[in-house]
Amino acid sequence: MKLIIAIIQDADNDRVSAALTDEKYRVTFIASTGGFLRSGRSTLLIGTEEDRVARA
């Protein structure tokens, strides 16, 4: 089992999370802030098997 930590823009969260769960990935979302102008970010924790990491 592998853990992928992905930091994305809030605007992309619903689309990315839905695509991952449709492909049967385990996804946990954490709201976060920081970076340029303290804009909203989403941190996704994605659990997957090693052979599915590249596809995720």
PDB file of N, CA and C in Angstrom:
ATOM      1  N   MET A   1       0.852  -1.173   0.000  1.00  0.00           N
ATOM      2  CA  MET A   1       0.000   0.000   0.000  1.00  0.00           C
ATOM      3  C   MET A   1       0.894   1.231   0.000  1.00  0.00           C
ATOM      4  N   LYS A   2       0.528   2.218  -0.809  1.00  0.00           N
ATOM      5  CA  LYS A   2       1.252   3.485  -0.919  1.00  0.00           C
ATOM      6  C   LYS A   2       0.316   4.630  -0.553  1.00  0.00           C
ATOM      7  N   LEU A   3       0.910   5.731  -0.082  1.00  0.00           N
ATOM      8  CA  LEU A   3       0.159   6.943   0.234  1.00  0.00           C
ATOM      9  C   LEU A   3       0.668   8.062  -0.654  1.00  0.00           C
ATOM     10  N   ILE A   4      -0.247   8.694  -1.398  1.00  0.00           N
ATOM     11  CA  ILE A   4       0.076   9.848  -2.221  1.00  0.00           C
ATOM     12  C   ILE A   4      -0.509  11.072  -1.528  1.00  0.00           C
ATOM     13  N   ILE A   5       0.284  12.108  -1.361  1.00  0.00           N
ATOM     14  CA  ILE A   5      -0.192  13.373  -0.813  1.00  0.00           C
ATOM     15  C   ILE A   5      -0.190  14.376  -1.957  1.00  0.00           C
ATOM     16  N   ALA A   6      -1.379  14.854  -2.326  1.00  0.00           N
ATOM     17  CA  ALA A   6      -1.517  15.788  -3.444  1.00  0.00           C
ATOM     18  C   ALA A   6      -2.123  17.087  -2.934  1.00  0.00           C
ATOM     19  N   ILE A   7      -1.493  18.210  -3.256  1.00  0.00           N
ATOM     20  CA  ILE A   7      -2.003  19.522  -2.872  1.00  0.00           C
ATOM     21  C   ILE A   7      -2.509  20.189  -4.143  1.00  0.00           C
ATOM     22  N   ILE A   8      -3.810  20.494  -4.159  1.00  0.00           N
ATOM     23  CA  ILE A   8      -4.442  21.056  -5.340  1.00  0.00           C
ATOM     24  C   ILE A   8      -5.233  22.310  -4.965  1.00  0.00           C
ATOM     25  N   GLN A   9      -5.663  23.066  -5.967  1.00  0.00           N
ATOM     26  CA  GLN A   9      -6.489  24.239  -5.717  1.00  0.00           C
ATOM     27  C   GLN A   9      -7.885  23.794  -5.299  1.00  0.00           C
ATOM     28  N   ASP A  10      -8.519  24.591  -4.422  1.00  0.00           N
ATOM     29  CA  ASP A  10      -9.870  24.268  -3.966  1.00  0.00           C
ATOM     30  C   ASP A  10     -10.832  24.083  -5.136  1.00  0.00           C
ATOM     31  N   ALA A  11     -10.683  24.896  -6.168  1.00  0.00           N
ATOM     32  CA  ALA A  11     -11.590  24.838  -7.311  1.00  0.00           C
ATOM     33  C   ALA A  11     -11.551  23.481  -8.011  1.00  0.00           C
ATOM     34  N   ASP A  12     -10.452  22.764  -7.895  1.00  0.00           N
ATOM     35  CA  ASP A  12     -10.298  21.472  -8.559  1.00  0.00           C
ATOM     36  C   ASP A  12     -10.672  20.279  -7.679  1.00  0.00           C
ATOM     37  N   ASN A  13     -10.938  20.525  -6.418  1.00  0.00           N
ATOM     38  CA  ASN A  13     -11.133  19.440  -5.461  1.00  0.00           C
ATOM     39  C   ASN A  13     -12.268  18.492  -5.840  1.00  0.00           C
ATOM     40  N   ASP A  14     -13.445  19.025  -6.134  1.00  0.00           N
ATOM     41  CA  ASP A  14     -14.593  18.147  -6.428  1.00  0.00           C
ATOM     42  C   ASP A  14     -14.325  17.274  -7.647  1.00  0.00           C
ATOM     43  N   ARG A  15     -13.795  17.865  -8.707  1.00  0.00           N
ATOM     44  CA  ARG A  15     -13.545  17.138  -9.944  1.00  0.00           C
ATOM     45  C   ARG A  15     -12.490  16.046  -9.749  1.00  0.00           C
ATOM     46  N   VAL A  16     -11.393  16.398  -9.073  1.00  0.00           N
ATOM     47  CA  VAL A  16     -10.301  15.439  -8.869  1.00  0.00           C
ATOM     48  C   VAL A  16     -10.740  14.315  -7.921  1.00  0.00           C
ATOM     49  N   SER A  17     -11.387  14.674  -6.828  1.00  0.00           N
ATOM     50  CA  SER A  17     -11.853  13.658  -5.873  1.00  0.00           C
ATOM     51  C   SER A  17     -12.843  12.697  -6.514  1.00  0.00           C
ATOM     52  N   ALA A  18     -13.766  13.234  -7.311  1.00  0.00           N
ATOM     53  CA  ALA A  18     -14.756  12.384  -7.982  1.00  0.00           C
ATOM     54  C   ALA A  18     -14.082  11.436  -8.977  1.00  0.00           C
ATOM     55  N   ALA A  19     -13.117  11.943  -9.731  1.00  0.00           N
ATOM     56  CA  ALA A  19     -12.420  11.096 -10.705  1.00  0.00           C
ATOM     57  C   ALA A  19     -11.659   9.972 -10.005  1.00  0.00           C
ATOM     58  N   LEU A  20     -11.023  10.290  -8.883  1.00  0.00           N
ATOM     59  CA  LEU A  20     -10.276   9.273  -8.150  1.00  0.00           C
ATOM     60  C   LEU A  20     -11.196   8.222  -7.539  1.00  0.00           C
ATOM     61  N   THR A  21     -12.295   8.649  -6.929  1.00  0.00           N
ATOM     62  CA  THR A  21     -13.205   7.679  -6.323  1.00  0.00           C
ATOM     63  C   THR A  21     -13.913   6.842  -7.385  1.00  0.00           C
ATOM     64  N   ASP A  22     -14.167   7.414  -8.566  1.00  0.00           N
ATOM     65  CA  ASP A  22     -14.743   6.628  -9.669  1.00  0.00           C
ATOM     66  C   ASP A  22     -13.809   5.497 -10.094  1.00  0.00           C
ATOM     67  N   GLU A  23     -12.508   5.728  -9.951  1.00  0.00           N
ATOM     68  CA  GLU A  23     -11.504   4.719 -10.291  1.00  0.00           C
ATOM     69  C   GLU A  23     -11.169   3.814  -9.096  1.00  0.00           C
ATOM     70  N   LYS A  24     -11.959   3.922  -8.028  1.00  0.00           N
ATOM     71  CA  LYS A  24     -11.837   3.078  -6.826  1.00  0.00           C
ATOM     72  C   LYS A  24     -10.586   3.353  -5.988  1.00  0.00           C
ATOM     73  N   TYR A  25     -10.093   4.616  -6.023  1.00  0.00           N
ATOM     74  CA  TYR A  25      -9.013   5.007  -5.123  1.00  0.00           C
ATOM     75  C   TYR A  25      -9.629   5.442  -3.800  1.00  0.00           C
ATOM     76  N   ARG A  26      -8.908   5.254  -2.718  1.00  0.00           N
ATOM     77  CA  ARG A  26      -9.337   5.718  -1.399  1.00  0.00           C
ATOM     78  C   ARG A  26      -8.804   7.132  -1.215  1.00  0.00           C
ATOM     79  N   VAL A  27      -9.697   8.097  -0.985  1.00  0.00           N
ATOM     80  CA  VAL A  27      -9.301   9.504  -0.936  1.00  0.00           C
ATOM     81  C   VAL A  27      -9.838  10.160   0.331  1.00  0.00           C
ATOM     82  N   THR A  28      -8.966  10.886   1.027  1.00  0.00           N
ATOM     83  CA  THR A  28      -9.356  11.718   2.165  1.00  0.00           C
ATOM     84  C   THR A  28      -8.954  13.143   1.845  1.00  0.00           C
ATOM     85  N   PHE A  29      -9.860  14.090   2.098  1.00  0.00           N
ATOM     86  CA  PHE A  29      -9.645  15.494   1.781  1.00  0.00           C
ATOM     87  C   PHE A  29      -9.422  16.291   3.061  1.00  0.00           C
ATOM     88  N   ILE A  30      -8.422  17.170   3.041  1.00  0.00           N
ATOM     89  CA  ILE A  30      -8.138  18.067   4.165  1.00  0.00           C
ATOM     90  C   ILE A  30      -8.048  19.479   3.602  1.00  0.00           C
ATOM     91  N   ALA A  31      -8.833  20.407   4.140  1.00  0.00           N
ATOM     92  CA  ALA A  31      -8.753  21.811   3.709  1.00  0.00           C
ATOM     93  C   ALA A  31      -7.471  22.418   4.265  1.00  0.00           C
ATOM     94  N   SER A  32      -6.772  23.182   3.451  1.00  0.00           N
ATOM     95  CA  SER A  32      -5.535  23.813   3.892  1.00  0.00           C
ATOM     96  C   SER A  32      -5.382  25.176   3.216  1.00  0.00           C
ATOM     97  N   THR A  33      -4.544  26.021   3.771  1.00  0.00           N
ATOM     98  CA  THR A  33      -4.257  27.325   3.179  1.00  0.00           C
ATOM     99  C   THR A  33      -2.764  27.531   3.151  1.00  0.00           C
ATOM    100  N   GLY A  34      -2.358  28.506   2.368  1.00  0.00           N
ATOM    101  CA  GLY A  34      -0.939  28.819   2.295  1.00  0.00           C
ATOM    102  C   GLY A  34      -0.544  29.168   0.883  1.00  0.00           C
ATOM    103  N   GLY A  35       0.726  29.384   0.700  1.00  0.00           N
ATOM    104  CA  GLY A  35       1.219  29.712  -0.624  1.00  0.00           C
ATOM    105  C   GLY A  35       0.923  31.147  -0.996  1.00  0.00           C
ATOM    106  N   PHE A  36       0.868  31.398  -2.275  1.00  0.00           N
ATOM    107  CA  PHE A  36       0.671  32.739  -2.819  1.00  0.00           C
ATOM    108  C   PHE A  36      -0.669  33.320  -2.387  1.00  0.00           C
ATOM    109  N   LEU A  37      -0.653  34.470  -1.757  1.00  0.00           N
ATOM    110  CA  LEU A  37      -1.845  35.199  -1.299  1.00  0.00           C
ATOM    111  C   LEU A  37      -2.725  34.388  -0.346  1.00  0.00           C
ATOM    112  N   ARG A  38      -2.144  33.398   0.308  1.00  0.00           N
ATOM    113  CA  ARG A  38      -2.879  32.562   1.262  1.00  0.00           C
ATOM    114  C   ARG A  38      -4.170  32.006   0.657  1.00  0.00           C
ATOM    115  N   SER A  39      -4.100  31.625  -0.602  1.00  0.00           N
ATOM    116  CA  SER A  39      -5.277  31.112  -1.296  1.00  0.00           C
ATOM    117  C   SER A  39      -5.631  29.712  -0.797  1.00  0.00           C
ATOM    118  N   GLY A  40      -6.891  29.337  -1.007  1.00  0.00           N
ATOM    119  CA  GLY A  40      -7.375  28.045  -0.534  1.00  0.00           C
ATOM    120  C   GLY A  40      -6.779  26.885  -1.299  1.00  0.00           C
ATOM    121  N   ARG A  41      -6.433  25.864  -0.573  1.00  0.00           N
ATOM    122  CA  ARG A  41      -5.871  24.648  -1.146  1.00  0.00           C
ATOM    123  C   ARG A  41      -6.601  23.462  -0.529  1.00  0.00           C
ATOM    124  N   SER A  42      -6.535  22.360  -1.224  1.00  0.00           N
ATOM    125  CA  SER A  42      -7.046  21.106  -0.710  1.00  0.00           C
ATOM    126  C   SER A  42      -5.903  20.103  -0.732  1.00  0.00           C
ATOM    127  N   THR A  43      -5.742  19.408   0.368  1.00  0.00           N
ATOM    128  CA  THR A  43      -4.743  18.347   0.434  1.00  0.00           C
ATOM    129  C   THR A  43      -5.484  17.022   0.352  1.00  0.00           C
ATOM    130  N   LEU A  44      -5.114  16.211  -0.625  1.00  0.00           N
ATOM    131  CA  LEU A  44      -5.731  14.905  -0.797  1.00  0.00           C
ATOM    132  C   LEU A  44      -4.759  13.832  -0.350  1.00  0.00           C
ATOM    133  N   LEU A  45      -5.229  12.942   0.485  1.00  0.00           N
ATOM    134  CA  LEU A  45      -4.465  11.765   0.891  1.00  0.00           C
ATOM    135  C   LEU A  45      -5.067  10.592   0.131  1.00  0.00           C
ATOM    136  N   ILE A  46      -4.270   9.981  -0.734  1.00  0.00           N
ATOM    137  CA  ILE A  46      -4.762   8.944  -1.633  1.00  0.00           C
ATOM    138  C   ILE A  46      -4.046   7.635  -1.315  1.00  0.00           C
ATOM    139  N   GLY A  47      -4.809   6.647  -0.935  1.00  0.00           N
ATOM    140  CA  GLY A  47      -4.247   5.334  -0.647  1.00  0.00           C
ATOM    141  C   GLY A  47      -4.437   4.416  -1.838  1.00  0.00           C
ATOM    142  N   THR A  48      -3.370   3.731  -2.249  1.00  0.00           N
ATOM    143  CA  THR A  48      -3.463   2.847  -3.398  1.00  0.00           C
ATOM    144  C   THR A  48      -2.385   1.774  -3.354  1.00  0.00           C
ATOM    145  N   GLU A  49      -2.566   0.768  -4.160  1.00  0.00           N
ATOM    146  CA  GLU A  49      -1.547  -0.262  -4.299  1.00  0.00           C
ATOM    147  C   GLU A  49      -0.402   0.283  -5.154  1.00  0.00           C
ATOM    148  N   GLU A  50       0.777  -0.261  -4.979  1.00  0.00           N
ATOM    149  CA  GLU A  50       1.969   0.242  -5.650  1.00  0.00           C
ATOM    150  C   GLU A  50       1.835   0.269  -7.176  1.00  0.00           C
ATOM    151  N   ASP A  51       1.178  -0.715  -7.749  1.00  0.00           N
ATOM    152  CA  ASP A  51       1.060  -0.773  -9.202  1.00  0.00           C
ATOM    153  C   ASP A  51       0.057   0.230  -9.780  1.00  0.00           C
ATOM    154  N   ARG A  52      -0.688   0.928  -8.935  1.00  0.00           N
ATOM    155  CA  ARG A  52      -1.673   1.929  -9.395  1.00  0.00           C
ATOM    156  C   ARG A  52      -1.227   3.369  -9.135  1.00  0.00           C
ATOM    157  N   VAL A  53      -0.025   3.572  -8.604  1.00  0.00           N
ATOM    158  CA  VAL A  53       0.453   4.909  -8.265  1.00  0.00           C
ATOM    159  C   VAL A  53       0.542   5.793  -9.504  1.00  0.00           C
ATOM    160  N   ALA A  54       1.133   5.324 -10.566  1.00  0.00           N
ATOM    161  CA  ALA A  54       1.310   6.145 -11.775  1.00  0.00           C
ATOM    162  C   ALA A  54      -0.026   6.586 -12.355  1.00  0.00           C
ATOM    163  N   ARG A  55      -1.016   5.730 -12.345  1.00  0.00           N
ATOM    164  CA  ARG A  55      -2.347   6.093 -12.888  1.00  0.00           C
ATOM    165  C   ARG A  55      -3.014   7.157 -12.038  1.00  0.00           C
ATOM    166  N   ALA A  56      -2.846   7.087 -10.734  1.00  0.00           N
ATOM    167  CA  ALA A  56      -3.458   8.084  -9.847  1.00  0.00           C
ATOM    168  C   ALA A  56      -2.918   9.458 -10.142  1.00  0.00           C
TER     169      ALA A  56
END
